[in-house]
Amino acid sequence: MEMLLSLVDKHWTGERPLHHDNNFLSQAVQILSMMEQDISSGEAEVRTLRGNVEELKEQAEIRDQDHRTETHRLTTQLEEAHISVDSLNEQLRILLEDNVSLQKQMIRLEKQYLNSMMKSSPNTEICEKQAEVDELRKKVSELREKVEEGERVKELADMLQENHR
């Protein structure tokens, strides 16, 4: 626009109109053509930029959807881990209760065994009581192993839960 105004200043003397000055008109047409090309280029660039914006919006929406999907998946995994930990805690509680009960039973049987030994009861009764004691010891040992295994599983579940935080 500045070029067009400079051209008017250069050719117009105030005496006659410029629309009959062929030199002025040809230069004005060139300037207007350049301005039109600039506008066309700008419009093309605007269209390209709008296309880029739309493409970026689509990519952002895809990333948002992927993020929501991943968040949902991780939330589901965490909920499943919580359920597993709760289940393992319940199993551990039951095993510990069984262990305590069997230990009490073993102590009671050992006392009975010792009492029977003191009273010099027949050997068959002693053998039976000893067998019961041995069986209870075996059960207690198995329960201890289960408790230890339960504690290890609980530790692993706790570690998994910590990793999901």
N, C-alpha and C. Protein backbone atom coordinates (compact mmCIF):
# COMPACT_ATOMS: atom_id res chain seq x y z
N MET A 1 0.82 -1.17 0.00
CA MET A 1 0.00 0.00 0.00
C MET A 1 0.87 1.25 0.00
N GLU A 2 1.95 1.20 0.73
CA GLU A 2 2.88 2.34 0.80
C GLU A 2 3.47 2.63 -0.58
N MET A 3 3.74 1.56 -1.33
CA MET A 3 4.29 1.76 -2.69
C MET A 3 3.28 2.48 -3.58
N LEU A 4 2.01 2.14 -3.44
CA LEU A 4 0.96 2.76 -4.24
C LEU A 4 0.83 4.25 -3.89
N LEU A 5 0.88 4.54 -2.61
CA LEU A 5 0.80 5.95 -2.19
C LEU A 5 2.02 6.73 -2.66
N SER A 6 3.18 6.12 -2.62
CA SER A 6 4.40 6.79 -3.12
C SER A 6 4.28 7.05 -4.62
N LEU A 7 3.70 6.11 -5.34
CA LEU A 7 3.51 6.28 -6.79
C LEU A 7 2.56 7.45 -7.07
N VAL A 8 1.49 7.55 -6.29
CA VAL A 8 0.55 8.67 -6.46
C VAL A 8 1.27 9.98 -6.19
N ASP A 9 2.04 10.03 -5.10
CA ASP A 9 2.79 11.25 -4.78
C ASP A 9 3.75 11.62 -5.91
N LYS A 10 4.36 10.64 -6.51
CA LYS A 10 5.35 10.87 -7.54
C LYS A 10 4.70 11.43 -8.83
N HIS A 11 3.54 10.91 -9.22
CA HIS A 11 2.94 11.28 -10.51
C HIS A 11 1.88 12.38 -10.42
N TRP A 12 1.31 12.58 -9.32
CA TRP A 12 0.20 13.53 -9.27
C TRP A 12 0.71 14.91 -8.90
N THR A 13 0.39 15.83 -9.72
CA THR A 13 0.82 17.21 -9.50
C THR A 13 -0.35 18.07 -9.08
N GLY A 14 -1.53 17.52 -9.12
CA GLY A 14 -2.72 18.25 -8.71
C GLY A 14 -3.39 18.94 -9.88
N GLU A 15 -2.82 18.86 -11.08
CA GLU A 15 -3.37 19.58 -12.23
C GLU A 15 -4.39 18.73 -12.98
N ARG A 16 -4.12 17.49 -13.16
CA ARG A 16 -5.05 16.66 -13.92
C ARG A 16 -5.18 15.29 -13.25
N PRO A 17 -6.25 14.58 -13.51
CA PRO A 17 -6.46 13.27 -12.88
C PRO A 17 -5.44 12.24 -13.39
N LEU A 18 -5.12 11.27 -12.52
CA LEU A 18 -4.11 10.26 -12.86
C LEU A 18 -4.69 9.11 -13.69
N HIS A 19 -5.98 9.01 -13.83
CA HIS A 19 -6.52 7.86 -14.55
C HIS A 19 -6.30 7.93 -16.06
N HIS A 20 -5.70 8.99 -16.56
CA HIS A 20 -5.33 9.08 -17.98
C HIS A 20 -3.82 8.93 -18.16
N ASP A 21 -3.07 8.88 -17.09
CA ASP A 21 -1.60 8.78 -17.15
C ASP A 21 -1.24 7.29 -17.26
N ASN A 22 -0.89 6.88 -18.50
CA ASN A 22 -0.59 5.46 -18.76
C ASN A 22 0.61 4.96 -17.97
N ASN A 23 1.61 5.77 -17.80
CA ASN A 23 2.80 5.40 -17.03
C ASN A 23 2.38 5.10 -15.59
N PHE A 24 1.59 6.00 -15.03
CA PHE A 24 1.10 5.80 -13.65
C PHE A 24 0.25 4.53 -13.58
N LEU A 25 -0.69 4.38 -14.54
CA LEU A 25 -1.61 3.25 -14.51
C LEU A 25 -0.87 1.92 -14.63
N SER A 26 0.13 1.82 -15.48
CA SER A 26 0.87 0.56 -15.64
C SER A 26 1.63 0.22 -14.35
N GLN A 27 2.24 1.24 -13.76
CA GLN A 27 2.95 0.99 -12.50
C GLN A 27 1.96 0.64 -11.38
N ALA A 28 0.79 1.29 -11.37
CA ALA A 28 -0.22 1.00 -10.35
C ALA A 28 -0.74 -0.42 -10.51
N VAL A 29 -0.95 -0.85 -11.76
CA VAL A 29 -1.41 -2.23 -12.02
C VAL A 29 -0.37 -3.22 -11.51
N GLN A 30 0.91 -2.95 -11.74
CA GLN A 30 1.98 -3.84 -11.25
C GLN A 30 1.95 -3.92 -9.72
N ILE A 31 1.81 -2.77 -9.09
CA ILE A 31 1.78 -2.74 -7.61
C ILE A 31 0.56 -3.50 -7.10
N LEU A 32 -0.60 -3.26 -7.73
CA LEU A 32 -1.82 -3.96 -7.30
C LEU A 32 -1.71 -5.46 -7.55
N SER A 33 -1.07 -5.85 -8.65
CA SER A 33 -0.86 -7.28 -8.93
C SER A 33 0.02 -7.91 -7.86
N MET A 34 1.08 -7.18 -7.48
CA MET A 34 1.96 -7.69 -6.42
C MET A 34 1.18 -7.83 -5.11
N MET A 35 0.32 -6.83 -4.82
CA MET A 35 -0.47 -6.89 -3.59
C MET A 35 -1.44 -8.08 -3.64
N GLU A 36 -2.03 -8.30 -4.83
CA GLU A 36 -2.95 -9.43 -4.99
C GLU A 36 -2.22 -10.76 -4.79
N GLN A 37 -1.00 -10.86 -5.35
CA GLN A 37 -0.20 -12.08 -5.17
C GLN A 37 0.14 -12.29 -3.70
N ASP A 38 0.49 -11.19 -3.02
CA ASP A 38 0.79 -11.29 -1.59
C ASP A 38 -0.43 -11.79 -0.81
N ILE A 39 -1.59 -11.23 -1.18
CA ILE A 39 -2.82 -11.65 -0.50
C ILE A 39 -3.11 -13.12 -0.79
N SER A 40 -2.95 -13.53 -2.06
CA SER A 40 -3.18 -14.93 -2.43
C SER A 40 -2.22 -15.84 -1.68
N SER A 41 -0.96 -15.42 -1.62
CA SER A 41 0.03 -16.22 -0.89
C SER A 41 -0.35 -16.32 0.58
N GLY A 42 -0.79 -15.19 1.12
CA GLY A 42 -1.20 -15.17 2.53
C GLY A 42 -2.39 -16.08 2.78
N GLU A 43 -3.36 -16.06 1.84
CA GLU A 43 -4.53 -16.92 1.98
C GLU A 43 -4.13 -18.38 1.90
N ALA A 44 -3.22 -18.70 0.98
CA ALA A 44 -2.74 -20.08 0.87
C ALA A 44 -2.03 -20.50 2.15
N GLU A 45 -1.24 -19.59 2.68
CA GLU A 45 -0.52 -19.89 3.93
C GLU A 45 -1.51 -20.08 5.08
N VAL A 46 -2.56 -19.25 5.11
CA VAL A 46 -3.59 -19.38 6.14
C VAL A 46 -4.27 -20.74 6.03
N ARG A 47 -4.59 -21.15 4.79
CA ARG A 47 -5.22 -22.47 4.59
C ARG A 47 -4.29 -23.58 5.06
N THR A 48 -3.00 -23.46 4.72
CA THR A 48 -2.02 -24.46 5.15
C THR A 48 -1.94 -24.50 6.67
N LEU A 49 -1.88 -23.33 7.28
CA LEU A 49 -1.79 -23.27 8.74
C LEU A 49 -3.05 -23.83 9.40
N ARG A 50 -4.21 -23.54 8.81
CA ARG A 50 -5.46 -24.10 9.35
C ARG A 50 -5.44 -25.63 9.26
N GLY A 51 -4.94 -26.14 8.13
CA GLY A 51 -4.80 -27.59 7.98
C GLY A 51 -3.87 -28.16 9.04
N ASN A 52 -2.76 -27.46 9.26
CA ASN A 52 -1.81 -27.90 10.29
C ASN A 52 -2.45 -27.90 11.68
N VAL A 53 -3.23 -26.84 11.95
CA VAL A 53 -3.90 -26.75 13.25
C VAL A 53 -4.87 -27.92 13.42
N GLU A 54 -5.63 -28.23 12.39
CA GLU A 54 -6.57 -29.35 12.47
C GLU A 54 -5.83 -30.66 12.70
N GLU A 55 -4.74 -30.84 11.99
CA GLU A 55 -3.93 -32.06 12.16
C GLU A 55 -3.39 -32.15 13.59
N LEU A 56 -2.91 -31.03 14.11
CA LEU A 56 -2.40 -31.02 15.48
C LEU A 56 -3.51 -31.30 16.50
N LYS A 57 -4.71 -30.76 16.22
CA LYS A 57 -5.84 -31.03 17.11
C LYS A 57 -6.16 -32.52 17.12
N GLU A 58 -6.16 -33.14 15.93
CA GLU A 58 -6.44 -34.58 15.84
C GLU A 58 -5.38 -35.38 16.60
N GLN A 59 -4.12 -35.00 16.42
CA GLN A 59 -3.04 -35.70 17.13
C GLN A 59 -3.19 -35.54 18.64
N ALA A 60 -3.53 -34.34 19.07
CA ALA A 60 -3.71 -34.10 20.52
C ALA A 60 -4.88 -34.93 21.05
N GLU A 61 -5.95 -35.02 20.27
CA GLU A 61 -7.10 -35.81 20.70
C GLU A 61 -6.74 -37.29 20.79
N ILE A 62 -5.96 -37.77 19.82
CA ILE A 62 -5.51 -39.17 19.86
C ILE A 62 -4.65 -39.40 21.10
N ARG A 63 -3.73 -38.46 21.38
CA ARG A 63 -2.87 -38.60 22.57
C ARG A 63 -3.72 -38.58 23.84
N ASP A 64 -4.72 -37.69 23.88
CA ASP A 64 -5.60 -37.63 25.05
C ASP A 64 -6.35 -38.95 25.24
N GLN A 65 -6.86 -39.49 24.14
CA GLN A 65 -7.58 -40.76 24.21
C GLN A 65 -6.64 -41.88 24.67
N ASP A 66 -5.42 -41.91 24.12
CA ASP A 66 -4.43 -42.91 24.54
C ASP A 66 -4.14 -42.76 26.03
N HIS A 67 -4.00 -41.52 26.48
CA HIS A 67 -3.72 -41.26 27.90
C HIS A 67 -4.88 -41.74 28.77
N ARG A 68 -6.11 -41.46 28.34
CA ARG A 68 -7.28 -41.91 29.12
C ARG A 68 -7.33 -43.44 29.16
N THR A 69 -7.05 -44.07 28.02
CA THR A 69 -7.06 -45.54 27.97
C THR A 69 -6.00 -46.12 28.90
N GLU A 70 -4.79 -45.57 28.84
CA GLU A 70 -3.69 -46.05 29.69
C GLU A 70 -4.02 -45.81 31.16
N THR A 71 -4.58 -44.67 31.48
CA THR A 71 -4.96 -44.37 32.87
C THR A 71 -6.01 -45.37 33.35
N HIS A 72 -6.98 -45.66 32.50
CA HIS A 72 -8.02 -46.63 32.87
C HIS A 72 -7.41 -48.01 33.08
N ARG A 73 -6.50 -48.41 32.20
CA ARG A 73 -5.85 -49.72 32.31
C ARG A 73 -5.07 -49.81 33.62
N LEU A 74 -4.31 -48.77 33.92
CA LEU A 74 -3.51 -48.77 35.15
C LEU A 74 -4.39 -48.74 36.39
N THR A 75 -5.49 -48.00 36.32
CA THR A 75 -6.43 -47.96 37.45
C THR A 75 -7.03 -49.34 37.68
N THR A 76 -7.39 -50.02 36.60
CA THR A 76 -7.93 -51.37 36.71
C THR A 76 -6.90 -52.31 37.33
N GLN A 77 -5.66 -52.21 36.87
CA GLN A 77 -4.59 -53.05 37.43
C GLN A 77 -4.42 -52.77 38.92
N LEU A 78 -4.46 -51.52 39.29
CA LEU A 78 -4.29 -51.16 40.70
C LEU A 78 -5.44 -51.71 41.53
N GLU A 79 -6.66 -51.60 41.02
CA GLU A 79 -7.82 -52.15 41.74
C GLU A 79 -7.68 -53.66 41.90
N GLU A 80 -7.23 -54.34 40.83
CA GLU A 80 -7.02 -55.79 40.91
C GLU A 80 -5.93 -56.12 41.92
N ALA A 81 -4.89 -55.31 41.97
CA ALA A 81 -3.82 -55.53 42.94
C ALA A 81 -4.35 -55.36 44.36
N HIS A 82 -5.20 -54.34 44.57
CA HIS A 82 -5.80 -54.14 45.90
C HIS A 82 -6.64 -55.36 46.29
N ILE A 83 -7.42 -55.86 45.35
CA ILE A 83 -8.26 -57.03 45.63
C ILE A 83 -7.38 -58.23 45.97
N SER A 84 -6.30 -58.42 45.20
CA SER A 84 -5.37 -59.53 45.46
C SER A 84 -4.73 -59.39 46.84
N VAL A 85 -4.32 -58.19 47.18
CA VAL A 85 -3.69 -57.95 48.49
C VAL A 85 -4.70 -58.25 49.60
N ASP A 86 -5.93 -57.79 49.44
CA ASP A 86 -6.96 -58.07 50.44
C ASP A 86 -7.18 -59.57 50.59
N SER A 87 -7.26 -60.27 49.46
CA SER A 87 -7.45 -61.72 49.49
C SER A 87 -6.27 -62.41 50.17
N LEU A 88 -5.06 -61.99 49.84
CA LEU A 88 -3.87 -62.58 50.46
C LEU A 88 -3.82 -62.28 51.95
N ASN A 89 -4.22 -61.09 52.33
CA ASN A 89 -4.26 -60.75 53.76
C ASN A 89 -5.26 -61.65 54.49
N GLU A 90 -6.39 -61.90 53.88
CA GLU A 90 -7.40 -62.77 54.49
C GLU A 90 -6.87 -64.20 54.61
N GLN A 91 -6.22 -64.68 53.55
CA GLN A 91 -5.63 -66.03 53.59
C GLN A 91 -4.57 -66.11 54.68
N LEU A 92 -3.75 -65.08 54.78
CA LEU A 92 -2.71 -65.05 55.81
C LEU A 92 -3.33 -65.06 57.20
N ARG A 93 -4.38 -64.28 57.39
CA ARG A 93 -5.06 -64.24 58.69
C ARG A 93 -5.59 -65.62 59.06
N ILE A 94 -6.21 -66.30 58.11
CA ILE A 94 -6.76 -67.64 58.35
C ILE A 94 -5.63 -68.62 58.69
N LEU A 95 -4.54 -68.56 57.93
CA LEU A 95 -3.41 -69.45 58.20
C LEU A 95 -2.81 -69.19 59.58
N LEU A 96 -2.70 -67.93 59.94
CA LEU A 96 -2.16 -67.61 61.27
C LEU A 96 -3.08 -68.13 62.37
N GLU A 97 -4.38 -67.99 62.18
CA GLU A 97 -5.33 -68.52 63.17
C GLU A 97 -5.21 -70.03 63.27
N ASP A 98 -5.13 -70.71 62.12
CA ASP A 98 -4.95 -72.17 62.11
C ASP A 98 -3.66 -72.55 62.80
N ASN A 99 -2.62 -71.79 62.53
CA ASN A 99 -1.31 -72.07 63.13
C ASN A 99 -1.39 -71.97 64.65
N VAL A 100 -2.01 -70.92 65.15
CA VAL A 100 -2.15 -70.74 66.60
C VAL A 100 -2.96 -71.89 67.19
N SER A 101 -4.05 -72.24 66.53
CA SER A 101 -4.90 -73.33 67.02
C SER A 101 -4.12 -74.64 67.07
N LEU A 102 -3.38 -74.93 66.02
CA LEU A 102 -2.60 -76.18 65.99
C LEU A 102 -1.48 -76.15 67.03
N GLN A 103 -0.88 -75.00 67.24
CA GLN A 103 0.17 -74.92 68.26
C GLN A 103 -0.42 -75.18 69.65
N LYS A 104 -1.60 -74.64 69.91
CA LYS A 104 -2.26 -74.89 71.20
C LYS A 104 -2.58 -76.37 71.35
N GLN A 105 -3.09 -76.95 70.27
CA GLN A 105 -3.41 -78.38 70.30
C GLN A 105 -2.14 -79.20 70.52
N MET A 106 -1.05 -78.82 69.88
CA MET A 106 0.21 -79.53 70.03
C MET A 106 0.72 -79.42 71.48
N ILE A 107 0.63 -78.24 72.04
CA ILE A 107 1.06 -78.06 73.43
C ILE A 107 0.21 -78.92 74.36
N ARG A 108 -1.09 -78.92 74.12
CA ARG A 108 -1.99 -79.73 74.94
C ARG A 108 -1.63 -81.21 74.82
N LEU A 109 -1.39 -81.68 73.61
CA LEU A 109 -1.03 -83.09 73.41
C LEU A 109 0.33 -83.41 74.01
N GLU A 110 1.25 -82.47 73.90
CA GLU A 110 2.56 -82.72 74.51
C GLU A 110 2.43 -82.83 76.03
N LYS A 111 1.59 -82.00 76.61
CA LYS A 111 1.35 -82.10 78.06
C LYS A 111 0.73 -83.44 78.40
N GLN A 112 -0.25 -83.84 77.59
CA GLN A 112 -0.87 -85.14 77.82
C GLN A 112 0.16 -86.26 77.69
N TYR A 113 1.00 -86.12 76.71
CA TYR A 113 2.04 -87.12 76.48
C TYR A 113 2.98 -87.18 77.69
N LEU A 114 3.41 -86.02 78.15
CA LEU A 114 4.31 -85.99 79.31
C LEU A 114 3.62 -86.55 80.55
N ASN A 115 2.35 -86.20 80.72
CA ASN A 115 1.61 -86.74 81.85
C ASN A 115 1.50 -88.26 81.76
N SER A 116 1.25 -88.73 80.56
CA SER A 116 1.13 -90.18 80.39
C SER A 116 2.48 -90.86 80.62
N MET A 117 3.54 -90.19 80.25
CA MET A 117 4.88 -90.74 80.49
C MET A 117 5.15 -90.81 81.99
N MET A 118 4.70 -89.78 82.67
CA MET A 118 4.93 -89.73 84.11
C MET A 118 4.15 -90.83 84.82
N LYS A 119 3.01 -91.12 84.31
CA LYS A 119 2.16 -92.12 84.96
C LYS A 119 2.52 -93.53 84.51
N SER A 120 3.50 -93.60 83.63
CA SER A 120 3.95 -94.89 83.10
C SER A 120 2.80 -95.64 82.44
N SER A 121 2.12 -94.95 81.59
CA SER A 121 1.02 -95.58 80.87
C SER A 121 1.58 -96.57 79.86
N PRO A 122 0.74 -97.43 79.37
CA PRO A 122 1.22 -98.47 78.43
C PRO A 122 1.87 -97.84 77.19
N ASN A 123 2.77 -98.58 76.63
CA ASN A 123 3.55 -98.11 75.48
C ASN A 123 2.68 -97.79 74.26
N THR A 124 1.63 -98.49 74.05
CA THR A 124 0.79 -98.23 72.87
C THR A 124 0.16 -96.84 72.95
N GLU A 125 -0.31 -96.47 74.14
CA GLU A 125 -0.91 -95.14 74.29
C GLU A 125 0.15 -94.07 74.09
N ILE A 126 1.34 -94.32 74.62
CA ILE A 126 2.44 -93.38 74.45
C ILE A 126 2.78 -93.24 72.97
N CYS A 127 2.84 -94.35 72.27
CA CYS A 127 3.16 -94.32 70.83
C CYS A 127 2.08 -93.56 70.06
N GLU A 128 0.82 -93.79 70.44
CA GLU A 128 -0.27 -93.08 69.77
C GLU A 128 -0.16 -91.57 70.01
N LYS A 129 0.08 -91.22 71.28
CA LYS A 129 0.21 -89.80 71.60
C LYS A 129 1.43 -89.19 70.90
N GLN A 130 2.52 -89.96 70.88
CA GLN A 130 3.71 -89.47 70.18
C GLN A 130 3.42 -89.28 68.69
N ALA A 131 2.67 -90.21 68.11
CA ALA A 131 2.31 -90.10 66.70
C ALA A 131 1.45 -88.85 66.48
N GLU A 132 0.51 -88.60 67.42
CA GLU A 132 -0.31 -87.40 67.31
C GLU A 132 0.54 -86.14 67.40
N VAL A 133 1.48 -86.16 68.35
CA VAL A 133 2.37 -85.01 68.51
C VAL A 133 3.19 -84.81 67.24
N ASP A 134 3.73 -85.91 66.70
CA ASP A 134 4.53 -85.81 65.47
C ASP A 134 3.69 -85.28 64.31
N GLU A 135 2.47 -85.76 64.22
CA GLU A 135 1.57 -85.30 63.16
C GLU A 135 1.27 -83.80 63.33
N LEU A 136 1.02 -83.39 64.57
CA LEU A 136 0.76 -81.98 64.82
C LEU A 136 1.99 -81.12 64.52
N ARG A 137 3.15 -81.62 64.88
CA ARG A 137 4.38 -80.88 64.56
C ARG A 137 4.52 -80.70 63.05
N LYS A 138 4.21 -81.79 62.34
CA LYS A 138 4.28 -81.72 60.88
C LYS A 138 3.30 -80.66 60.35
N LYS A 139 2.06 -80.66 60.88
CA LYS A 139 1.07 -79.67 60.45
C LYS A 139 1.52 -78.25 60.78
N VAL A 140 2.08 -78.10 61.98
CA VAL A 140 2.57 -76.78 62.39
C VAL A 140 3.68 -76.34 61.45
N SER A 141 4.57 -77.26 61.13
CA SER A 141 5.67 -76.93 60.21
C SER A 141 5.13 -76.52 58.84
N GLU A 142 4.14 -77.28 58.36
CA GLU A 142 3.54 -76.95 57.06
C GLU A 142 2.86 -75.58 57.13
N LEU A 143 2.17 -75.32 58.23
CA LEU A 143 1.50 -74.03 58.37
C LEU A 143 2.51 -72.89 58.45
N ARG A 144 3.61 -73.12 59.13
CA ARG A 144 4.65 -72.09 59.19
C ARG A 144 5.16 -71.77 57.79
N GLU A 145 5.36 -72.85 57.00
CA GLU A 145 5.81 -72.64 55.62
C GLU A 145 4.77 -71.83 54.84
N LYS A 146 3.50 -72.18 55.04
CA LYS A 146 2.44 -71.43 54.34
C LYS A 146 2.40 -69.98 54.80
N VAL A 147 2.59 -69.78 56.10
CA VAL A 147 2.60 -68.41 56.63
C VAL A 147 3.76 -67.64 56.02
N GLU A 148 4.94 -68.27 55.98
CA GLU A 148 6.10 -67.60 55.39
C GLU A 148 5.85 -67.30 53.92
N GLU A 149 5.25 -68.27 53.22
CA GLU A 149 4.94 -68.05 51.81
C GLU A 149 3.92 -66.92 51.67
N GLY A 150 2.92 -66.91 52.55
CA GLY A 150 1.92 -65.84 52.53
C GLY A 150 2.55 -64.49 52.80
N GLU A 151 3.49 -64.45 53.73
CA GLU A 151 4.17 -63.19 54.03
C GLU A 151 4.99 -62.72 52.84
N ARG A 152 5.65 -63.66 52.15
CA ARG A 152 6.42 -63.29 50.95
C ARG A 152 5.50 -62.76 49.86
N VAL A 153 4.37 -63.44 49.67
CA VAL A 153 3.40 -62.99 48.67
C VAL A 153 2.87 -61.62 49.05
N LYS A 154 2.60 -61.41 50.34
CA LYS A 154 2.11 -60.11 50.80
C LYS A 154 3.15 -59.03 50.53
N GLU A 155 4.43 -59.33 50.81
CA GLU A 155 5.49 -58.37 50.55
C GLU A 155 5.55 -58.03 49.06
N LEU A 156 5.43 -59.06 48.21
CA LEU A 156 5.45 -58.82 46.76
C LEU A 156 4.25 -57.98 46.34
N ALA A 157 3.09 -58.30 46.91
CA ALA A 157 1.89 -57.52 46.57
C ALA A 157 2.04 -56.08 47.03
N ASP A 158 2.61 -55.89 48.24
CA ASP A 158 2.84 -54.53 48.73
C ASP A 158 3.80 -53.78 47.82
N MET A 159 4.86 -54.49 47.36
CA MET A 159 5.81 -53.85 46.44
C MET A 159 5.12 -53.48 45.14
N LEU A 160 4.27 -54.38 44.63
CA LEU A 160 3.52 -54.10 43.40
C LEU A 160 2.62 -52.89 43.61
N GLN A 161 1.97 -52.86 44.75
CA GLN A 161 1.08 -51.74 45.04
C GLN A 161 1.87 -50.44 45.13
N GLU A 162 3.04 -50.47 45.76
CA GLU A 162 3.88 -49.28 45.85
C GLU A 162 4.31 -48.82 44.46
N ASN A 163 4.65 -49.77 43.59
CA ASN A 163 5.09 -49.41 42.24
C ASN A 163 3.98 -48.77 41.44
N HIS A 164 2.73 -49.11 41.73
CA HIS A 164 1.61 -48.51 40.99
C HIS A 164 1.30 -47.12 41.49
N ARG A 165 1.85 -46.73 42.61
CA ARG A 165 1.61 -45.37 43.12
C ARG A 165 2.57 -44.49 42.44
